[in-house]
Every structure is written in structure tokens, then in C-alpha cells.
Amino acid sequence: MGYHEVFVSQSNVFSGLQKPFEKADYIVLGVPFDVTSTYRSGARFAPNAIREASLNIETYSFRTGIDVEDLRLHDLGDLHIFTDTKETLERLELVVKDILDAGKTSVTMGGEHTITLGIMKGLGKKASKTALVSFDAHLDLRNEFMGLKLSHTTFMCRMNEEVKPAKIIEFGTRAVCKEELVYAKKAEIEFFTAQQIRKEGNKQSAKRLKEKLAEYENVYLSIDMDVLDPAYAPAVQNPEPEGLEPHTLLDTLFSICDNRVMGFDVVEVAPSYDQGATAIQAAKTIFEILCCLEKSREDEAKRKR
């Protein structure tokens, strides 16, 4: 497995639970990368902050009736990253490919949001049959920003051009420029604004999102923690007012998590900007998604009996 060459072991493992790679269903990896940050930096410190938070919050999910302690997890550690963005993403692509080829679900902790591009490339040919759902305050659809065509502000544009997923949907949007709106319309990239979600109610917006995903063979989830309002997640690299509440995010994720989900990432936590609250939100989000996916597996197994 190629991951042996690009990871370094950690003293703490996510959730404190570690099954052997071969016996695990969910493979956790950290990508401590924030080279293209344009406002706050520090997301490179997030993987270990999220690991620490995961060791200090309870593991039972009332939404699902599942306990994280009963899941088969393996934490690979952190990717060896470079200051060169392209090379880091190429290494990440290879690792994700190994994880998926082994029949596992990938769980990635960023790092800046640019890493999602490398992860999606790791899906290979399956990417063309995969709907990407990004929970994010921003569209990240600029063609170029501050002289960079590959960065946390442009990666979704590169995603559409290079990876070409079957569908891109963004949820929680509230910070855009005109260039991005023009591009989104031309590329048929749909987005749910935070204002729309609040106006129509979480239940209805989640239902609409689920309906839009119904036709796709695979789903990949990307959660930028700045989708939450800074009142709940202040330690992010690019905070924006009027964000979602945690229950809105988690209830929406619960409604769309099923056996089609190949993996997910949680990104953009910059731990030094608070006293740990945002890392705790990130760990909780990962816990809830894992439990949702496990419940979906169990429900599917019951239907087949």
C-alpha cells in the first residue's frame, strides 16, 4: 500500500480507537496543509487539534443510536506535505486511491479546502459518477486570486474543469463575488444560500438537497467549518457572518448520508483563533457523519436479510 511511504505516525489517534487497517471500515488521515491561505493561516495545525478534541467528547449519537466506539476506525496519521501545492495534492490523490481500492471509506481532516481537489482526483473514473456536496460559506469558484490559479479560493473551479464530477452542489453559501456567480450559472453548479435555508427551514432544504442527489451513483461530502456561523465556529481561516447553526448542518448531513457516500473531509479549522470550540465542532461533525454512515450500512444489511 502506497500510504506507508507518505504518512507519519501520530501519538494520538482519532477517537482513541485503532483497528488494524485491514479490519477497518473507515480510514482517517490528516492533511496539515495551508500554504495558499489568504486571510488567517493555521489550518495545518487542525488535524491534531481535532484528534485531541475527539478524545475528550462523548461518542454516542442520539440521531442514529450508534456509538463511535463500536465502529472500526484506523487513523493513518498525517500526509507528508510540501510547500508546492500541486505535489501535495498528487500525493494525497495516490493515498486516497489506495484507501478506496482497499474498499474503505476515506475520512480526511484538513488543512485548507484545496485538499478536496486532490481527494476527488483519487476517486479516479468514479469521480464522473459522483456528486460532490460542499458545505461552505464560499463558492471557491474564482479563476485566479492573488496570482494563484490553484488555491483555496479557486479549487472548485479547477474541480469542475479537471475532475468533472457528475454534479457539484454547494450548501450554506453566503460569501461570493460576481465572477463566481457568473461561472456557477454557466457551469450549472447549484448552491443553497444560508438565507434560503433559513427562510424555507432546515427540513425543507435538506429534502430538496436529498432529491437533487437521488440520481447519482456516488456521493462525496466536503465540510468547510466556516459553513457554521462564527458564533459556533470562530476558529476558521475565513469566517463569514450569518452562517448555519450546528444542528442545521448535522441534520442535513443525516438526511443525505447513505451507502453511496465514498468519503468525506472536514477542513479549514485554524485552532489558534479560539480555545478549542471549533475543533470540538469538527470532531463532533466527523463523529455524526461516521455514525450516519454506519447506520446506513446496518439498515442496508437488514434489508438484504
C-alpha atoms as a PDB file:
ATOM      1  CA  MET A   1       0.000   0.000   0.000  1.00  0.00           C
ATOM      2  CA  GLY A   2       1.358   3.379  -1.037  1.00  0.00           C
ATOM      3  CA  TYR A   3       0.232   5.082   2.163  1.00  0.00           C
ATOM      4  CA  HIS A   4       3.170   3.602   4.079  1.00  0.00           C
ATOM      5  CA  GLU A   5       5.511   5.894   2.165  1.00  0.00           C
ATOM      6  CA  VAL A   6       3.680   9.160   2.739  1.00  0.00           C
ATOM      7  CA  PHE A   7       2.393   9.064   6.307  1.00  0.00           C
ATOM      8  CA  VAL A   8       3.996   9.564   9.669  1.00  0.00           C
ATOM      9  CA  SER A   9       2.514   8.009  12.809  1.00  0.00           C
ATOM     10  CA  GLN A  10       0.822  10.174  15.441  1.00  0.00           C
ATOM     11  CA  SER A  11       0.985   9.851  19.220  1.00  0.00           C
ATOM     12  CA  ASN A  12      -2.783  10.380  19.382  1.00  0.00           C
ATOM     13  CA  VAL A  13      -5.208   8.609  17.087  1.00  0.00           C
ATOM     14  CA  PHE A  14      -8.617   9.971  16.202  1.00  0.00           C
ATOM     15  CA  SER A  15     -11.237   8.939  18.796  1.00  0.00           C
ATOM     16  CA  GLY A  16      -8.619   6.869  20.625  1.00  0.00           C
ATOM     17  CA  LEU A  17      -9.831   3.785  18.760  1.00  0.00           C
ATOM     18  CA  GLN A  18      -7.470   1.986  16.406  1.00  0.00           C
ATOM     19  CA  LYS A  19      -8.283  -1.151  14.455  1.00  0.00           C
ATOM     20  CA  PRO A  20      -5.745  -2.676  12.076  1.00  0.00           C
ATOM     21  CA  PHE A  21      -6.010  -1.171   8.596  1.00  0.00           C
ATOM     22  CA  GLU A  22      -7.164  -4.466   7.100  1.00  0.00           C
ATOM     23  CA  LYS A  23     -10.062  -4.776   9.565  1.00  0.00           C
ATOM     24  CA  ALA A  24     -11.167  -1.122   9.494  1.00  0.00           C
ATOM     25  CA  ASP A  25     -14.123   0.264   7.546  1.00  0.00           C
ATOM     26  CA  TYR A  26     -13.203   3.943   7.928  1.00  0.00           C
ATOM     27  CA  ILE A  27      -9.709   5.304   7.345  1.00  0.00           C
ATOM     28  CA  VAL A  28      -8.850   8.650   8.933  1.00  0.00           C
ATOM     29  CA  LEU A  29      -5.997  10.778   7.633  1.00  0.00           C
ATOM     30  CA  GLY A  30      -4.759  14.270   8.317  1.00  0.00           C
ATOM     31  CA  VAL A  31      -3.507  16.767   5.753  1.00  0.00           C
ATOM     32  CA  PRO A  32      -1.718  19.572   7.662  1.00  0.00           C
ATOM     33  CA  PHE A  33      -1.580  21.939   4.691  1.00  0.00           C
ATOM     34  CA  ASP A  34      -2.444  25.653   4.444  1.00  0.00           C
ATOM     35  CA  VAL A  35       0.092  27.070   2.002  1.00  0.00           C
ATOM     36  CA  THR A  36      -2.403  29.154  -0.032  1.00  0.00           C
ATOM     37  CA  SER A  37      -4.180  30.782   2.929  1.00  0.00           C
ATOM     38  CA  THR A  38      -5.100  34.401   2.144  1.00  0.00           C
ATOM     39  CA  TYR A  39      -6.522  35.722   5.438  1.00  0.00           C
ATOM     40  CA  ARG A  40      -5.905  33.665   8.534  1.00  0.00           C
ATOM     41  CA  SER A  41      -3.485  30.767   8.470  1.00  0.00           C
ATOM     42  CA  GLY A  42      -3.099  27.825  10.826  1.00  0.00           C
ATOM     43  CA  ALA A  43      -5.250  25.049   9.341  1.00  0.00           C
ATOM     44  CA  ARG A  44      -2.065  22.965   9.221  1.00  0.00           C
ATOM     45  CA  PHE A  45      -2.491  22.545  12.971  1.00  0.00           C
ATOM     46  CA  ALA A  46      -6.074  21.303  12.677  1.00  0.00           C
ATOM     47  CA  PRO A  47      -5.636  17.525  12.295  1.00  0.00           C
ATOM     48  CA  ASN A  48      -4.010  17.114  15.698  1.00  0.00           C
ATOM     49  CA  ALA A  49      -6.363  19.637  17.326  1.00  0.00           C
ATOM     50  CA  ILE A  50      -9.328  17.650  16.016  1.00  0.00           C
ATOM     51  CA  ARG A  51      -7.743  14.424  17.211  1.00  0.00           C
ATOM     52  CA  GLU A  52      -7.312  15.895  20.689  1.00  0.00           C
ATOM     53  CA  ALA A  53     -10.920  17.127  20.707  1.00  0.00           C
ATOM     54  CA  SER A  54     -12.143  13.695  19.618  1.00  0.00           C
ATOM     55  CA  LEU A  55     -10.558  12.176  22.719  1.00  0.00           C
ATOM     56  CA  ASN A  56     -12.483  14.493  25.012  1.00  0.00           C
ATOM     57  CA  ILE A  57     -16.095  14.446  23.796  1.00  0.00           C
ATOM     58  CA  GLU A  58     -18.680  11.679  24.135  1.00  0.00           C
ATOM     59  CA  THR A  59     -19.070   9.218  21.280  1.00  0.00           C
ATOM     60  CA  TYR A  60     -22.768   8.274  21.327  1.00  0.00           C
ATOM     61  CA  SER A  61     -25.023   9.697  18.600  1.00  0.00           C
ATOM     62  CA  PHE A  62     -28.664  10.277  19.545  1.00  0.00           C
ATOM     63  CA  ARG A  63     -29.504  10.906  15.867  1.00  0.00           C
ATOM     64  CA  THR A  64     -28.545   7.381  14.905  1.00  0.00           C
ATOM     65  CA  GLY A  65     -28.406   5.278  18.056  1.00  0.00           C
ATOM     66  CA  ILE A  66     -24.826   4.410  17.086  1.00  0.00           C
ATOM     67  CA  ASP A  67     -21.704   4.764  19.241  1.00  0.00           C
ATOM     68  CA  VAL A  68     -18.399   5.660  17.588  1.00  0.00           C
ATOM     69  CA  GLU A  69     -16.738   3.201  19.976  1.00  0.00           C
ATOM     70  CA  ASP A  70     -18.428   0.375  18.059  1.00  0.00           C
ATOM     71  CA  LEU A  71     -17.052   1.460  14.664  1.00  0.00           C
ATOM     72  CA  ARG A  72     -13.965   0.020  13.008  1.00  0.00           C
ATOM     73  CA  LEU A  73     -11.624   3.013  12.564  1.00  0.00           C
ATOM     74  CA  HIS A  74      -7.980   3.310  11.592  1.00  0.00           C
ATOM     75  CA  ASP A  75      -6.022   6.574  11.786  1.00  0.00           C
ATOM     76  CA  LEU A  76      -3.169   6.600   9.272  1.00  0.00           C
ATOM     77  CA  GLY A  77      -1.583   9.746  10.669  1.00  0.00           C
ATOM     78  CA  ASP A  78      -0.658  12.777   8.558  1.00  0.00           C
ATOM     79  CA  LEU A  79       0.342  13.188   4.960  1.00  0.00           C
ATOM     80  CA  HIS A  80       3.881  14.378   4.334  1.00  0.00           C
ATOM     81  CA  ILE A  81       3.129  17.720   2.710  1.00  0.00           C
ATOM     82  CA  PHE A  82       5.158  20.114   0.582  1.00  0.00           C
ATOM     83  CA  THR A  83       5.127  23.861   0.069  1.00  0.00           C
ATOM     84  CA  ASP A  84       4.300  23.011  -3.528  1.00  0.00           C
ATOM     85  CA  THR A  85       0.515  22.692  -3.671  1.00  0.00           C
ATOM     86  CA  LYS A  86       0.405  20.531  -6.776  1.00  0.00           C
ATOM     87  CA  GLU A  87       2.849  17.970  -5.403  1.00  0.00           C
ATOM     88  CA  THR A  88       0.963  17.739  -2.103  1.00  0.00           C
ATOM     89  CA  LEU A  89      -2.317  17.146  -3.940  1.00  0.00           C
ATOM     90  CA  GLU A  90      -0.715  14.499  -6.131  1.00  0.00           C
ATOM     91  CA  ARG A  91       0.479  12.583  -3.071  1.00  0.00           C
ATOM     92  CA  LEU A  92      -2.945  12.920  -1.471  1.00  0.00           C
ATOM     93  CA  GLU A  93      -4.549  11.607  -4.653  1.00  0.00           C
ATOM     94  CA  LEU A  94      -2.413   8.457  -4.503  1.00  0.00           C
ATOM     95  CA  VAL A  95      -3.212   7.816  -0.854  1.00  0.00           C
ATOM     96  CA  VAL A  96      -6.954   8.251  -1.321  1.00  0.00           C
ATOM     97  CA  LYS A  97      -6.840   5.918  -4.313  1.00  0.00           C
ATOM     98  CA  ASP A  98      -5.172   3.262  -2.142  1.00  0.00           C
ATOM     99  CA  ILE A  99      -7.811   3.672   0.564  1.00  0.00           C
ATOM    100  CA  LEU A 100     -10.722   3.384  -1.853  1.00  0.00           C
ATOM    101  CA  ASP A 101      -9.147   0.490  -3.753  1.00  0.00           C
ATOM    102  CA  ALA A 102      -8.959  -1.353  -0.422  1.00  0.00           C
ATOM    103  CA  GLY A 103     -12.737  -0.976  -0.103  1.00  0.00           C
ATOM    104  CA  LYS A 104     -12.553   1.549   2.743  1.00  0.00           C
ATOM    105  CA  THR A 105     -14.300   4.875   3.339  1.00  0.00           C
ATOM    106  CA  SER A 106     -11.912   7.835   3.432  1.00  0.00           C
ATOM    107  CA  VAL A 107     -12.192  10.404   6.240  1.00  0.00           C
ATOM    108  CA  THR A 108      -9.856  13.354   5.734  1.00  0.00           C
ATOM    109  CA  MET A 109      -9.060  16.147   8.180  1.00  0.00           C
ATOM    110  CA  GLY A 110      -7.625  19.350   6.682  1.00  0.00           C
ATOM    111  CA  GLY A 111      -5.919  21.582   6.246  1.00  0.00           C
ATOM    112  CA  GLU A 112      -7.232  24.125   3.800  1.00  0.00           C
ATOM    113  CA  HIS A 113     -10.089  23.387   1.434  1.00  0.00           C
ATOM    114  CA  THR A 114      -7.795  22.994  -1.580  1.00  0.00           C
ATOM    115  CA  ILE A 115      -7.137  19.413  -0.445  1.00  0.00           C
ATOM    116  CA  THR A 116     -10.600  18.335  -1.637  1.00  0.00           C
ATOM    117  CA  LEU A 117      -9.303  18.625  -5.206  1.00  0.00           C
ATOM    118  CA  GLY A 118      -6.611  16.013  -4.514  1.00  0.00           C
ATOM    119  CA  ILE A 119      -9.104  13.742  -2.781  1.00  0.00           C
ATOM    120  CA  MET A 120     -11.580  13.885  -5.649  1.00  0.00           C
ATOM    121  CA  LYS A 121      -8.828  13.085  -8.135  1.00  0.00           C
ATOM    122  CA  GLY A 122      -8.173   9.982  -6.031  1.00  0.00           C
ATOM    123  CA  LEU A 123     -11.639   8.743  -6.961  1.00  0.00           C
ATOM    124  CA  GLY A 124     -10.363   8.173 -10.492  1.00  0.00           C
ATOM    125  CA  LYS A 125     -13.024   7.217 -13.026  1.00  0.00           C
ATOM    126  CA  LYS A 126     -15.649   7.060 -10.283  1.00  0.00           C
ATOM    127  CA  ALA A 127     -15.486  10.860  -9.985  1.00  0.00           C
ATOM    128  CA  SER A 128     -17.501  11.221 -13.189  1.00  0.00           C
ATOM    129  CA  LYS A 129     -20.343   9.344 -11.489  1.00  0.00           C
ATOM    130  CA  THR A 130     -20.019  11.179  -8.182  1.00  0.00           C
ATOM    131  CA  ALA A 131     -21.984  14.146  -6.863  1.00  0.00           C
ATOM    132  CA  LEU A 132     -19.813  16.466  -4.766  1.00  0.00           C
ATOM    133  CA  VAL A 133     -21.651  18.301  -1.988  1.00  0.00           C
ATOM    134  CA  SER A 134     -19.645  21.115  -0.415  1.00  0.00           C
ATOM    135  CA  PHE A 135     -20.868  22.704   2.816  1.00  0.00           C
ATOM    136  CA  ASP A 136     -19.170  26.084   2.706  1.00  0.00           C
ATOM    137  CA  ALA A 137     -19.747  29.813   3.186  1.00  0.00           C
ATOM    138  CA  HIS A 138     -17.867  30.382  -0.104  1.00  0.00           C
ATOM    139  CA  LEU A 139     -18.263  29.093  -3.644  1.00  0.00           C
ATOM    140  CA  ASP A 140     -14.477  28.963  -4.237  1.00  0.00           C
ATOM    141  CA  LEU A 141     -15.089  29.428  -7.960  1.00  0.00           C
ATOM    142  CA  ARG A 142     -12.657  32.225  -8.777  1.00  0.00           C
ATOM    143  CA  ASN A 143     -10.408  31.520 -11.735  1.00  0.00           C
ATOM    144  CA  GLU A 144      -7.451  33.235 -10.067  1.00  0.00           C
ATOM    145  CA  PHE A 145      -6.788  35.026  -6.805  1.00  0.00           C
ATOM    146  CA  MET A 146      -3.653  36.842  -5.649  1.00  0.00           C
ATOM    147  CA  GLY A 147      -1.753  35.445  -8.606  1.00  0.00           C
ATOM    148  CA  LEU A 148      -2.698  31.816  -7.923  1.00  0.00           C
ATOM    149  CA  LYS A 149      -4.883  29.628 -10.112  1.00  0.00           C
ATOM    150  CA  LEU A 150      -4.687  26.766  -7.602  1.00  0.00           C
ATOM    151  CA  SER A 151      -5.707  27.788  -4.102  1.00  0.00           C
ATOM    152  CA  HIS A 152      -8.446  27.556  -1.519  1.00  0.00           C
ATOM    153  CA  THR A 153     -10.374  30.275  -3.401  1.00  0.00           C
ATOM    154  CA  THR A 154     -10.126  28.649  -6.843  1.00  0.00           C
ATOM    155  CA  PHE A 155     -10.071  24.911  -6.251  1.00  0.00           C
ATOM    156  CA  MET A 156     -13.748  24.372  -7.039  1.00  0.00           C
ATOM    157  CA  CYS A 157     -13.243  25.973 -10.439  1.00  0.00           C
ATOM    158  CA  ARG A 158     -10.308  23.609 -11.030  1.00  0.00           C
ATOM    159  CA  MET A 159     -12.507  20.779  -9.762  1.00  0.00           C
ATOM    160  CA  ASN A 160     -15.116  21.465 -12.408  1.00  0.00           C
ATOM    161  CA  GLU A 161     -12.508  21.723 -15.162  1.00  0.00           C
ATOM    162  CA  GLU A 162     -10.132  18.888 -14.245  1.00  0.00           C
ATOM    163  CA  VAL A 163     -12.105  16.311 -12.247  1.00  0.00           C
ATOM    164  CA  LYS A 164     -15.514  16.913 -13.808  1.00  0.00           C
ATOM    165  CA  PRO A 165     -17.703  15.300 -11.126  1.00  0.00           C
ATOM    166  CA  ALA A 166     -21.205  14.345 -12.179  1.00  0.00           C
ATOM    167  CA  LYS A 167     -22.615  17.228 -10.118  1.00  0.00           C
ATOM    168  CA  ILE A 168     -21.387  19.974  -7.810  1.00  0.00           C
ATOM    169  CA  ILE A 169     -23.766  21.335  -5.176  1.00  0.00           C
ATOM    170  CA  GLU A 170     -22.773  23.892  -2.540  1.00  0.00           C
ATOM    171  CA  PHE A 171     -24.735  24.323   0.689  1.00  0.00           C
ATOM    172  CA  GLY A 172     -24.664  27.243   3.134  1.00  0.00           C
ATOM    173  CA  THR A 173     -23.336  29.812   0.640  1.00  0.00           C
ATOM    174  CA  ARG A 174     -23.239  33.429   1.779  1.00  0.00           C
ATOM    175  CA  ALA A 175     -19.947  34.955   0.555  1.00  0.00           C
ATOM    176  CA  VAL A 176     -19.377  35.303  -3.191  1.00  0.00           C
ATOM    177  CA  CYS A 177     -18.114  37.642  -5.901  1.00  0.00           C
ATOM    178  CA  LYS A 178     -19.862  38.388  -9.197  1.00  0.00           C
ATOM    179  CA  GLU A 179     -17.303  36.355 -11.157  1.00  0.00           C
ATOM    180  CA  GLU A 180     -18.267  33.253  -9.196  1.00  0.00           C
ATOM    181  CA  LEU A 181     -21.983  33.753  -9.755  1.00  0.00           C
ATOM    182  CA  VAL A 182     -21.434  34.019 -13.491  1.00  0.00           C
ATOM    183  CA  TYR A 183     -19.266  30.888 -13.503  1.00  0.00           C
ATOM    184  CA  ALA A 184     -21.718  28.910 -11.360  1.00  0.00           C
ATOM    185  CA  LYS A 185     -24.577  29.672 -13.731  1.00  0.00           C
ATOM    186  CA  LYS A 186     -22.541  28.781 -16.811  1.00  0.00           C
ATOM    187  CA  ALA A 187     -21.227  25.549 -15.264  1.00  0.00           C
ATOM    188  CA  GLU A 188     -24.633  24.611 -13.779  1.00  0.00           C
ATOM    189  CA  ILE A 189     -23.206  24.476 -10.283  1.00  0.00           C
ATOM    190  CA  GLU A 190     -26.118  24.754  -7.865  1.00  0.00           C
ATOM    191  CA  PHE A 191     -25.928  26.340  -4.438  1.00  0.00           C
ATOM    192  CA  PHE A 192     -28.193  26.759  -1.430  1.00  0.00           C
ATOM    193  CA  THR A 193     -27.662  30.104   0.260  1.00  0.00           C
ATOM    194  CA  ALA A 194     -27.734  30.405   4.030  1.00  0.00           C
ATOM    195  CA  GLN A 195     -30.588  32.884   3.652  1.00  0.00           C
ATOM    196  CA  GLN A 196     -32.630  30.416   1.585  1.00  0.00           C
ATOM    197  CA  ILE A 197     -32.013  27.623   4.055  1.00  0.00           C
ATOM    198  CA  ARG A 198     -33.097  29.818   6.957  1.00  0.00           C
ATOM    199  CA  LYS A 199     -36.179  31.093   5.126  1.00  0.00           C
ATOM    200  CA  GLU A 200     -37.545  27.747   3.980  1.00  0.00           C
ATOM    201  CA  GLY A 201     -36.420  25.805   7.042  1.00  0.00           C
ATOM    202  CA  ASN A 202     -33.812  23.141   7.502  1.00  0.00           C
ATOM    203  CA  LYS A 203     -36.188  20.230   6.917  1.00  0.00           C
ATOM    204  CA  GLN A 204     -37.337  21.509   3.543  1.00  0.00           C
ATOM    205  CA  SER A 205     -33.879  22.497   2.314  1.00  0.00           C
ATOM    206  CA  ALA A 206     -32.477  19.106   3.348  1.00  0.00           C
ATOM    207  CA  LYS A 207     -35.305  17.427   1.477  1.00  0.00           C
ATOM    208  CA  ARG A 208     -34.527  19.430  -1.661  1.00  0.00           C
ATOM    209  CA  LEU A 209     -30.846  18.544  -1.409  1.00  0.00           C
ATOM    210  CA  LYS A 210     -31.650  14.868  -0.998  1.00  0.00           C
ATOM    211  CA  GLU A 211     -33.906  14.961  -4.057  1.00  0.00           C
ATOM    212  CA  LYS A 212     -31.170  16.549  -6.153  1.00  0.00           C
ATOM    213  CA  LEU A 213     -28.757  13.765  -5.166  1.00  0.00           C
ATOM    214  CA  ALA A 214     -31.169  10.918  -5.891  1.00  0.00           C
ATOM    215  CA  GLU A 215     -29.990  10.215  -9.449  1.00  0.00           C
ATOM    216  CA  TYR A 216     -26.251   9.964  -8.737  1.00  0.00           C
ATOM    217  CA  GLU A 217     -24.340   6.730  -8.254  1.00  0.00           C
ATOM    218  CA  ASN A 218     -21.830   8.050  -5.695  1.00  0.00           C
ATOM    219  CA  VAL A 219     -21.646  10.977  -3.277  1.00  0.00           C
ATOM    220  CA  TYR A 220     -18.675  12.767  -1.730  1.00  0.00           C
ATOM    221  CA  LEU A 221     -19.109  15.232   1.146  1.00  0.00           C
ATOM    222  CA  SER A 222     -16.818  18.180   1.917  1.00  0.00           C
ATOM    223  CA  ILE A 223     -17.410  20.220   5.065  1.00  0.00           C
ATOM    224  CA  ASP A 224     -15.650  23.565   5.398  1.00  0.00           C
ATOM    225  CA  MET A 225     -16.196  24.549   9.017  1.00  0.00           C
ATOM    226  CA  ASP A 226     -16.813  28.155   8.002  1.00  0.00           C
ATOM    227  CA  VAL A 227     -20.244  26.988   6.836  1.00  0.00           C
ATOM    228  CA  LEU A 228     -21.156  27.435  10.512  1.00  0.00           C
ATOM    229  CA  ASP A 229     -21.736  30.878  11.940  1.00  0.00           C
ATOM    230  CA  PRO A 230     -18.630  32.276  13.678  1.00  0.00           C
ATOM    231  CA  ALA A 231     -20.619  32.237  16.918  1.00  0.00           C
ATOM    232  CA  TYR A 232     -20.285  28.435  16.831  1.00  0.00           C
ATOM    233  CA  ALA A 233     -17.025  28.034  14.904  1.00  0.00           C
ATOM    234  CA  PRO A 234     -14.872  31.155  15.318  1.00  0.00           C
ATOM    235  CA  ALA A 235     -11.518  29.485  14.588  1.00  0.00           C
ATOM    236  CA  VAL A 236     -11.708  29.158  10.817  1.00  0.00           C
ATOM    237  CA  GLN A 237      -9.484  30.688   8.162  1.00  0.00           C
ATOM    238  CA  ASN A 238     -12.162  32.836   6.501  1.00  0.00           C
ATOM    239  CA  PRO A 239     -15.109  33.463   8.875  1.00  0.00           C
ATOM    240  CA  GLU A 240     -18.311  34.988   7.490  1.00  0.00           C
ATOM    241  CA  PRO A 241     -21.402  36.252   9.390  1.00  0.00           C
ATOM    242  CA  GLU A 242     -24.901  34.760   9.046  1.00  0.00           C
ATOM    243  CA  GLY A 243     -23.780  31.159   8.975  1.00  0.00           C
ATOM    244  CA  LEU A 244     -25.615  27.956   9.757  1.00  0.00           C
ATOM    245  CA  GLU A 245     -26.250  26.573  13.210  1.00  0.00           C
ATOM    246  CA  PRO A 246     -24.607  23.223  14.086  1.00  0.00           C
ATOM    247  CA  HIS A 247     -27.919  21.350  14.226  1.00  0.00           C
ATOM    248  CA  THR A 248     -28.784  22.567  10.712  1.00  0.00           C
ATOM    249  CA  LEU A 249     -25.514  21.201   9.363  1.00  0.00           C
ATOM    250  CA  LEU A 250     -25.750  17.883  11.204  1.00  0.00           C
ATOM    251  CA  ASP A 251     -29.433  17.284  10.455  1.00  0.00           C
ATOM    252  CA  THR A 252     -28.780  17.961   6.767  1.00  0.00           C
ATOM    253  CA  LEU A 253     -25.842  15.562   6.738  1.00  0.00           C
ATOM    254  CA  PHE A 254     -28.008  12.953   8.459  1.00  0.00           C
ATOM    255  CA  SER A 255     -30.608  13.263   5.692  1.00  0.00           C
ATOM    256  CA  ILE A 256     -28.156  12.602   2.837  1.00  0.00           C
ATOM    257  CA  CYS A 257     -25.674  10.110   4.298  1.00  0.00           C
ATOM    258  CA  ASP A 258     -26.225   6.701   2.744  1.00  0.00           C
ATOM    259  CA  ASN A 259     -24.278   3.839   1.181  1.00  0.00           C
ATOM    260  CA  ARG A 260     -23.341   5.957  -1.831  1.00  0.00           C
ATOM    261  CA  VAL A 261     -21.010   8.144   0.250  1.00  0.00           C
ATOM    262  CA  MET A 262     -17.438   7.176  -0.687  1.00  0.00           C
ATOM    263  CA  GLY A 263     -15.803   9.537   1.747  1.00  0.00           C
ATOM    264  CA  PHE A 264     -15.801  12.975   3.314  1.00  0.00           C
ATOM    265  CA  ASP A 265     -13.492  15.676   4.559  1.00  0.00           C
ATOM    266  CA  VAL A 266     -13.643  18.352   7.260  1.00  0.00           C
ATOM    267  CA  VAL A 267     -11.429  21.364   6.573  1.00  0.00           C
ATOM    268  CA  GLU A 268     -10.431  24.967   7.367  1.00  0.00           C
ATOM    269  CA  VAL A 269     -10.186  24.798  11.168  1.00  0.00           C
ATOM    270  CA  ALA A 270      -7.484  27.212  12.406  1.00  0.00           C
ATOM    271  CA  PRO A 271      -7.160  26.163  16.072  1.00  0.00           C
ATOM    272  CA  SER A 272      -5.162  29.142  17.353  1.00  0.00           C
ATOM    273  CA  TYR A 273      -8.136  31.506  16.925  1.00  0.00           C
ATOM    274  CA  ASP A 274     -10.181  30.089  19.809  1.00  0.00           C
ATOM    275  CA  GLN A 275      -9.877  27.896  22.900  1.00  0.00           C
ATOM    276  CA  GLY A 276     -10.848  24.647  21.201  1.00  0.00           C
ATOM    277  CA  ALA A 277     -14.529  25.133  20.423  1.00  0.00           C
ATOM    278  CA  THR A 278     -14.150  24.881  16.649  1.00  0.00           C
ATOM    279  CA  ALA A 279     -12.021  21.739  16.826  1.00  0.00           C
ATOM    280  CA  ILE A 280     -14.717  20.222  19.039  1.00  0.00           C
ATOM    281  CA  GLN A 281     -17.360  21.139  16.440  1.00  0.00           C
ATOM    282  CA  ALA A 282     -15.211  19.484  13.771  1.00  0.00           C
ATOM    283  CA  ALA A 283     -14.727  16.309  15.815  1.00  0.00           C
ATOM    284  CA  LYS A 284     -18.450  16.166  16.576  1.00  0.00           C
ATOM    285  CA  THR A 285     -19.249  16.597  12.887  1.00  0.00           C
ATOM    286  CA  ILE A 286     -16.956  13.706  11.989  1.00  0.00           C
ATOM    287  CA  PHE A 287     -18.498  11.544  14.711  1.00  0.00           C
ATOM    288  CA  GLU A 288     -22.033  12.237  13.489  1.00  0.00           C
ATOM    289  CA  ILE A 289     -21.203  11.551   9.840  1.00  0.00           C
ATOM    290  CA  LEU A 290     -19.482   8.298  10.760  1.00  0.00           C
ATOM    291  CA  CYS A 291     -22.498   7.213  12.786  1.00  0.00           C
ATOM    292  CA  CYS A 292     -24.853   8.161   9.953  1.00  0.00           C
ATOM    293  CA  LEU A 293     -22.821   6.100   7.502  1.00  0.00           C
ATOM    294  CA  GLU A 294     -22.712   3.157   9.895  1.00  0.00           C
ATOM    295  CA  LYS A 295     -26.475   3.312  10.419  1.00  0.00           C
ATOM    296  CA  SER A 296     -26.945   3.300   6.658  1.00  0.00           C
ATOM    297  CA  ARG A 297     -24.752   0.195   6.419  1.00  0.00           C
ATOM    298  CA  GLU A 298     -26.759  -1.529   9.134  1.00  0.00           C
ATOM    299  CA  ASP A 299     -30.093  -0.600   7.563  1.00  0.00           C
ATOM    300  CA  GLU A 300     -28.921  -1.896   4.197  1.00  0.00           C
ATOM    301  CA  ALA A 301     -27.793  -5.170   5.758  1.00  0.00           C
ATOM    302  CA  LYS A 302     -31.212  -5.599   7.393  1.00  0.00           C
ATOM    303  CA  ARG A 303     -32.992  -5.020   4.071  1.00  0.00           C
ATOM    304  CA  LYS A 304     -30.917  -7.754   2.435  1.00  0.00           C
ATOM    305  CA  ARG A 305     -31.749 -10.374   5.060  1.00  0.00           C
END
